[in-house]
Amino acid sequence: MELLSIKAERLIKTADLVIHYGDATAPEIIELAAADIISSYGKTLDEITDTIETYVKQKKTVVRIHSGDPSLFGGMLEQIHALEKRGIKVEVVPGISAMFASAALLKTQLTLPGVTQTVIVTRPEEPIEELSKHLATMVIFLGVEKIQEIIDRVAYPPDTDVAVVYHAFWLDQKIIRGIISDIVGKVKTAKIKHGAIIIIGEAANPKTILTLDRGES
């Protein structure tokens, strides 16, 4: 919750309606709202748009809290398009990506000279077999429930570092560290099935980076 921007916090506190996506939104954020609160979970795009339009026609302000990252796998554009077709203006307020929040918790950099200068951001549905051949830092969204499949498909060596970060900066956050050969078992033991970022590569473990001999003085 503390990673909210000042602007986002102000808008949530002053909105006439706050729409969130169920358990994908931290409870502490929803509690900031002082007016009507609706979960969009299970609702269609038309149903959400109808609700927003009803409030806007009454000159009321609506805040839509996105699950995850608004500009990454968030379905933002289809919602903006649907609203603008009805003449409703939209403002996008950016926040801190779950990817960067996870890196901060790991106290690492996703890129580093001599290690990798490339970050691949993807989902399990993409050709991760080919993408992983670059041996760059790979950040996988919306895939922890498929971690066995992911690990079976990627081309990283078995001793490559992996970190799984659940609910970064939530009160119930968890960090699971391992390597390709043992991360699946650790994630299953932790019973993490959703709401987590997977980071694969040397950048997942800053201790690995710091002990590498990169030939630098």
Protein backbone atom coordinates (compact mmCIF):
# COMPACT_ATOMS: atom_id res chain seq x y z
CA MET A 1 0.00 0.00 0.00
CA GLU A 2 2.86 2.38 0.78
CA LEU A 3 4.03 2.16 -2.83
CA LEU A 4 0.95 4.05 -4.01
CA SER A 5 1.77 7.41 -5.54
CA ILE A 6 0.52 10.51 -3.75
CA LYS A 7 -1.81 11.14 -6.66
CA ALA A 8 -3.26 7.62 -6.62
CA GLU A 9 -3.91 7.80 -2.89
CA ARG A 10 -5.63 11.18 -3.26
CA LEU A 11 -7.86 9.96 -6.08
CA ILE A 12 -8.89 6.81 -4.23
CA LYS A 13 -9.73 8.78 -1.10
CA THR A 14 -11.82 11.35 -2.98
CA ALA A 15 -13.55 9.16 -5.58
CA ASP A 16 -17.29 8.64 -5.56
CA LEU A 17 -16.80 5.07 -6.76
CA VAL A 18 -13.80 2.76 -6.51
CA ILE A 19 -13.75 -0.37 -8.67
CA HIS A 20 -11.18 -3.04 -7.84
CA TYR A 21 -10.49 -6.61 -8.92
CA GLY A 22 -11.27 -8.65 -5.84
CA ASP A 23 -8.37 -10.39 -4.11
CA ALA A 24 -5.92 -9.00 -6.68
CA THR A 25 -6.04 -5.66 -4.85
CA ALA A 26 -4.43 -5.22 -1.44
CA PRO A 27 -7.15 -4.74 1.23
CA GLU A 28 -5.29 -1.73 2.66
CA ILE A 29 -5.72 0.09 -0.65
CA ILE A 30 -9.45 -0.61 -0.83
CA GLU A 31 -9.83 0.63 2.74
CA LEU A 32 -8.67 4.08 1.63
CA ALA A 33 -11.93 4.57 -0.27
CA ALA A 34 -14.55 6.63 1.53
CA ALA A 35 -17.40 6.12 -0.93
CA ASP A 36 -18.92 3.28 -2.98
CA ILE A 37 -16.75 0.21 -3.57
CA ILE A 38 -17.40 -2.46 -6.21
CA SER A 39 -15.43 -5.56 -7.17
CA SER A 40 -15.20 -6.15 -10.91
CA TYR A 41 -14.38 -9.83 -10.43
CA GLY A 42 -16.77 -11.94 -12.50
CA LYS A 43 -18.26 -8.92 -14.28
CA THR A 44 -18.13 -8.37 -18.03
CA LEU A 45 -16.53 -5.35 -19.69
CA ASP A 46 -20.00 -4.04 -20.60
CA GLU A 47 -21.23 -4.37 -17.02
CA ILE A 48 -18.22 -2.45 -15.70
CA THR A 49 -18.57 0.20 -18.39
CA ASP A 50 -22.30 0.60 -17.69
CA THR A 51 -21.58 1.16 -14.00
CA ILE A 52 -18.90 3.74 -14.70
CA GLU A 53 -21.15 5.54 -17.17
CA THR A 54 -23.96 5.74 -14.60
CA TYR A 55 -21.69 7.53 -12.12
CA VAL A 56 -20.09 9.80 -14.71
CA LYS A 57 -23.49 10.97 -15.93
CA GLN A 58 -24.14 12.09 -12.36
CA LYS A 59 -20.90 14.15 -12.47
CA LYS A 60 -19.22 11.71 -10.11
CA THR A 61 -15.61 10.54 -10.13
CA VAL A 62 -14.71 6.90 -10.66
CA VAL A 63 -11.37 5.25 -9.88
CA ARG A 64 -10.61 1.88 -11.44
CA ILE A 65 -7.84 0.08 -9.56
CA HIS A 66 -6.15 -2.32 -11.91
CA SER A 67 -4.86 -5.71 -10.91
CA GLY A 68 -1.14 -5.97 -11.44
CA ASP A 69 0.38 -3.44 -13.81
CA PRO A 70 -1.97 -1.24 -15.85
CA SER A 71 0.42 -1.18 -18.81
CA LEU A 72 1.41 -4.87 -18.59
CA PHE A 73 -1.16 -7.62 -19.15
CA GLY A 74 -3.82 -5.50 -17.52
CA GLY A 75 -6.53 -5.17 -20.18
CA MET A 76 -6.32 -1.39 -19.88
CA LEU A 77 -6.72 -0.51 -23.55
CA GLU A 78 -9.98 -2.37 -24.08
CA GLN A 79 -11.49 -0.56 -21.10
CA ILE A 80 -10.28 2.83 -22.28
CA HIS A 81 -11.67 2.15 -25.75
CA ALA A 82 -15.06 1.08 -24.36
CA LEU A 83 -15.32 4.24 -22.23
CA GLU A 84 -14.16 6.63 -24.92
CA LYS A 85 -16.77 5.19 -27.31
CA ARG A 86 -19.32 6.50 -24.80
CA GLY A 87 -17.64 9.89 -24.59
CA ILE A 88 -16.06 9.25 -21.20
CA LYS A 89 -12.61 10.74 -20.71
CA VAL A 90 -9.96 8.57 -19.06
CA GLU A 91 -6.78 9.43 -17.19
CA VAL A 92 -4.17 6.75 -16.50
CA VAL A 93 -2.25 7.12 -13.24
CA PRO A 94 0.91 4.97 -13.32
CA GLY A 95 2.25 3.14 -10.33
CA ILE A 96 5.21 0.98 -9.39
CA SER A 97 5.36 -2.21 -11.40
CA ALA A 98 5.19 -5.50 -9.53
CA MET A 99 8.34 -6.37 -11.45
CA PHE A 100 10.33 -3.48 -9.97
CA ALA A 101 8.75 -3.93 -6.54
CA SER A 102 9.93 -7.56 -6.60
CA ALA A 103 13.45 -6.55 -7.63
CA ALA A 104 13.52 -4.06 -4.75
CA LEU A 105 12.53 -6.77 -2.27
CA LEU A 106 15.28 -8.99 -3.66
CA LYS A 107 17.71 -6.06 -3.33
CA THR A 108 18.95 -6.66 -6.84
CA GLN A 109 19.22 -5.15 -10.30
CA LEU A 110 17.55 -6.79 -13.25
CA THR A 111 20.39 -5.62 -15.47
CA LEU A 112 24.10 -5.29 -14.74
CA PRO A 113 27.17 -4.86 -16.99
CA GLY A 114 28.96 -8.16 -17.39
CA VAL A 115 25.87 -10.13 -16.38
CA THR A 116 23.04 -9.08 -18.68
CA GLN A 117 21.71 -5.82 -20.06
CA THR A 118 18.46 -7.36 -21.22
CA VAL A 119 15.18 -8.07 -19.42
CA ILE A 120 12.55 -10.26 -21.05
CA VAL A 121 9.05 -9.63 -19.69
CA THR A 122 6.60 -12.33 -20.70
CA ARG A 123 3.91 -14.86 -19.81
CA PRO A 124 3.90 -18.68 -20.00
CA GLU A 125 1.77 -18.59 -23.15
CA GLU A 126 4.66 -17.08 -25.12
CA PRO A 127 7.57 -19.07 -26.67
CA ILE A 128 9.68 -19.06 -23.50
CA GLU A 129 11.80 -21.91 -24.86
CA GLU A 130 13.24 -19.59 -27.51
CA LEU A 131 13.24 -16.46 -25.35
CA SER A 132 15.19 -18.15 -22.58
CA LYS A 133 18.01 -19.09 -24.95
CA HIS A 134 19.24 -15.50 -24.64
CA LEU A 135 20.03 -16.24 -20.96
CA ALA A 136 18.87 -12.74 -20.11
CA THR A 137 16.90 -11.91 -16.98
CA MET A 138 13.41 -13.27 -17.54
CA VAL A 139 10.42 -11.92 -15.62
CA ILE A 140 7.30 -14.03 -15.93
CA PHE A 141 3.90 -12.64 -14.99
CA LEU A 142 0.74 -14.64 -14.33
CA GLY A 143 2.46 -18.00 -14.39
CA VAL A 144 3.31 -19.30 -10.94
CA GLU A 145 0.51 -21.86 -11.13
CA LYS A 146 2.38 -23.26 -14.17
CA ILE A 147 5.85 -23.16 -12.66
CA GLN A 148 6.55 -26.85 -13.33
CA GLU A 149 5.73 -26.35 -17.01
CA ILE A 150 7.80 -23.17 -17.14
CA ILE A 151 10.87 -24.77 -15.58
CA ASP A 152 10.56 -27.77 -17.90
CA ARG A 153 10.53 -25.47 -20.94
CA VAL A 154 13.21 -22.87 -20.28
CA ALA A 155 16.77 -23.29 -21.58
CA TYR A 156 18.64 -22.02 -18.51
CA PRO A 157 21.23 -24.31 -16.86
CA PRO A 158 19.96 -26.26 -13.81
CA ASP A 159 21.95 -24.09 -11.38
CA THR A 160 20.48 -20.80 -12.65
CA ASP A 161 19.01 -18.65 -9.88
CA VAL A 162 15.24 -18.23 -9.62
CA ALA A 163 13.16 -16.05 -7.31
CA VAL A 164 9.40 -16.17 -6.85
CA VAL A 165 7.95 -13.09 -5.18
CA TYR A 166 4.38 -13.33 -3.90
CA HIS A 167 2.36 -10.16 -3.23
CA ALA A 168 5.35 -7.80 -3.31
CA PHE A 169 4.97 -5.16 -0.58
CA TRP A 170 1.68 -6.57 0.67
CA LEU A 171 1.42 -7.47 4.34
CA ASP A 172 1.55 -11.18 3.44
CA GLN A 173 4.45 -10.96 0.99
CA LYS A 174 6.72 -13.99 0.51
CA ILE A 175 10.06 -14.48 -1.23
CA ILE A 176 11.02 -17.95 -2.41
CA ARG A 177 14.62 -18.34 -3.64
CA GLY A 178 16.08 -21.31 -5.42
CA ILE A 179 17.57 -22.54 -8.65
CA ILE A 180 16.09 -24.15 -11.74
CA SER A 181 16.51 -27.63 -10.29
CA ASP A 182 14.72 -27.04 -6.98
CA ILE A 183 12.42 -24.00 -7.25
CA VAL A 184 9.29 -26.02 -8.15
CA GLY A 185 9.40 -27.98 -4.92
CA LYS A 186 9.98 -24.86 -2.86
CA VAL A 187 7.03 -23.05 -4.45
CA LYS A 188 4.76 -26.05 -3.89
CA THR A 189 5.86 -26.27 -0.26
CA ALA A 190 5.02 -22.57 0.17
CA LYS A 191 1.59 -23.26 -1.44
CA ILE A 192 1.85 -20.28 -3.78
CA LYS A 193 -0.60 -20.68 -6.65
CA HIS A 194 -1.25 -17.12 -7.83
CA GLY A 195 -0.26 -13.49 -7.34
CA ALA A 196 3.47 -14.00 -7.82
CA ILE A 197 6.26 -12.82 -10.12
CA ILE A 198 8.89 -15.30 -11.34
CA ILE A 199 12.39 -13.93 -11.98
CA ILE A 200 14.93 -16.22 -13.65
CA GLY A 201 18.63 -15.47 -14.17
CA GLU A 202 21.67 -14.41 -12.22
CA ALA A 203 19.89 -11.16 -11.33
CA ALA A 204 17.47 -13.14 -9.18
CA ASN A 205 20.17 -13.52 -6.55
CA PRO A 206 22.37 -10.48 -5.84
CA LYS A 207 24.83 -12.67 -3.92
CA THR A 208 25.51 -14.56 -7.14
CA ILE A 209 26.12 -11.32 -9.00
CA LEU A 210 28.49 -9.96 -6.37
CA THR A 211 30.63 -13.10 -6.36
CA LEU A 212 30.98 -13.27 -10.14
CA ASP A 213 34.44 -12.54 -11.53
CA ARG A 214 33.64 -10.19 -14.39
CA GLY A 215 37.21 -9.08 -14.90
CA GLU A 216 36.52 -5.63 -13.52
CA SER A 217 38.96 -3.67 -11.36
